[in-house]
C-alpha atoms as a PDB file:
ATOM      1  CA  MET A   1      75.340 118.178  35.370  1.00  0.00           C
ATOM      2  CA  ILE A   2      71.636 117.318  34.923  1.00  0.00           C
ATOM      3  CA  TRP A   3      70.741 118.913  38.267  1.00  0.00           C
ATOM      4  CA  GLY A   4      71.982 122.386  36.974  1.00  0.00           C
ATOM      5  CA  ALA A   5      69.690 121.913  33.909  1.00  0.00           C
ATOM      6  CA  ILE A   6      66.761 121.039  36.026  1.00  0.00           C
ATOM      7  CA  LEU A   7      67.229 124.053  38.306  1.00  0.00           C
ATOM      8  CA  GLY A   8      67.467 126.094  35.245  1.00  0.00           C
ATOM      9  CA  GLY A   9      64.155 124.867  33.866  1.00  0.00           C
ATOM     10  CA  LEU A  10      62.515 125.265  37.425  1.00  0.00           C
ATOM     11  CA  ALA A  11      63.853 128.847  37.608  1.00  0.00           C
ATOM     12  CA  GLY A  12      62.923 129.760  34.357  1.00  0.00           C
ATOM     13  CA  THR A  13      59.514 128.400  34.436  1.00  0.00           C
ATOM     14  CA  VAL A  14      58.780 130.262  37.938  1.00  0.00           C
ATOM     15  CA  VAL A  15      60.108 133.559  36.130  1.00  0.00           C
ATOM     16  CA  LEU A  16      57.841 132.979  33.073  1.00  0.00           C
ATOM     17  CA  THR A  17      54.866 132.199  35.329  1.00  0.00           C
ATOM     18  CA  THR A  18      55.295 135.108  37.203  1.00  0.00           C
ATOM     19  CA  ILE A  19      55.647 137.556  34.803  1.00  0.00           C
ATOM     20  CA  LEU A  20      52.501 135.985  32.631  1.00  0.00           C
ATOM     21  CA  ARG A  21      50.321 136.116  35.942  1.00  0.00           C
ATOM     22  CA  ALA A  22      51.457 139.824  36.633  1.00  0.00           C
ATOM     23  CA  ALA A  23      50.567 140.965  32.898  1.00  0.00           C
ATOM     24  CA  SER A  24      47.259 139.072  33.547  1.00  0.00           C
ATOM     25  CA  GLU A  25      46.310 140.683  36.542  1.00  0.00           C
ATOM     26  CA  LEU A  26      47.555 144.043  35.415  1.00  0.00           C
ATOM     27  CA  GLY A  27      45.449 143.870  32.573  1.00  0.00           C
ATOM     28  CA  LEU A  28      48.341 144.023  30.260  1.00  0.00           C
ATOM     29  CA  THR A  29      47.489 140.537  28.206  1.00  0.00           C
ATOM     30  CA  ARG A  30      44.567 138.129  28.477  1.00  0.00           C
ATOM     31  CA  MET A  31      46.451 135.296  27.330  1.00  0.00           C
ATOM     32  CA  ASP A  32      46.962 132.465  30.162  1.00  0.00           C
ATOM     33  CA  ILE A  33      49.116 129.713  29.230  1.00  0.00           C
ATOM     34  CA  PRO A  34      48.293 127.526  31.715  1.00  0.00           C
ATOM     35  CA  PHE A  35      44.568 128.010  31.625  1.00  0.00           C
ATOM     36  CA  LEU A  36      45.162 127.028  28.053  1.00  0.00           C
ATOM     37  CA  LEU A  37      47.127 123.833  28.804  1.00  0.00           C
ATOM     38  CA  GLY A  38      44.596 122.770  31.470  1.00  0.00           C
ATOM     39  CA  THR A  39      41.496 123.092  29.258  1.00  0.00           C
ATOM     40  CA  ALA A  40      43.149 120.849  26.788  1.00  0.00           C
ATOM     41  CA  VAL A  41      42.793 118.103  29.883  1.00  0.00           C
ATOM     42  CA  THR A  42      39.122 119.279  31.351  1.00  0.00           C
ATOM     43  CA  SER A  43      36.551 121.839  30.659  1.00  0.00           C
ATOM     44  CA  ASP A  44      36.440 122.576  34.602  1.00  0.00           C
ATOM     45  CA  ARG A  45      37.570 125.993  34.716  1.00  0.00           C
ATOM     46  CA  VAL A  46      38.995 125.816  38.364  1.00  0.00           C
ATOM     47  CA  ARG A  47      40.622 122.198  37.695  1.00  0.00           C
ATOM     48  CA  ALA A  48      41.864 123.399  34.539  1.00  0.00           C
ATOM     49  CA  LYS A  49      44.077 126.352  36.143  1.00  0.00           C
ATOM     50  CA  ALA A  50      45.434 123.761  38.538  1.00  0.00           C
ATOM     51  CA  ILE A  51      46.267 121.153  36.092  1.00  0.00           C
ATOM     52  CA  GLY A  52      47.437 123.531  33.679  1.00  0.00           C
ATOM     53  CA  TYR A  53      49.911 125.232  36.465  1.00  0.00           C
ATOM     54  CA  ALA A  54      51.006 121.395  37.068  1.00  0.00           C
ATOM     55  CA  LEU A  55      51.637 120.740  33.259  1.00  0.00           C
ATOM     56  CA  HIS A  56      53.616 124.213  32.798  1.00  0.00           C
ATOM     57  CA  PHE A  57      55.844 123.204  35.518  1.00  0.00           C
ATOM     58  CA  VAL A  58      56.509 119.902  34.317  1.00  0.00           C
ATOM     59  CA  PHE A  59      57.004 120.987  30.977  1.00  0.00           C
ATOM     60  CA  GLY A  60      59.299 124.018  32.202  1.00  0.00           C
ATOM     61  CA  LEU A  61      61.408 121.166  33.709  1.00  0.00           C
ATOM     62  CA  LEU A  62      61.871 118.987  30.425  1.00  0.00           C
END
């Protein structure tokens, strides 16, 4: 039961992240949610993206 919820959260997070990244790369939006999450932790742009993606996946699993 709990594994289904975890897998559903993981699948949803992967789909949402993929769509947001594709929209950003195609110039459809300038919003980058993982980057916004990462900048709450660090001001370094490269680390902010990495940390933001990690936080985005963790929050997606919750």
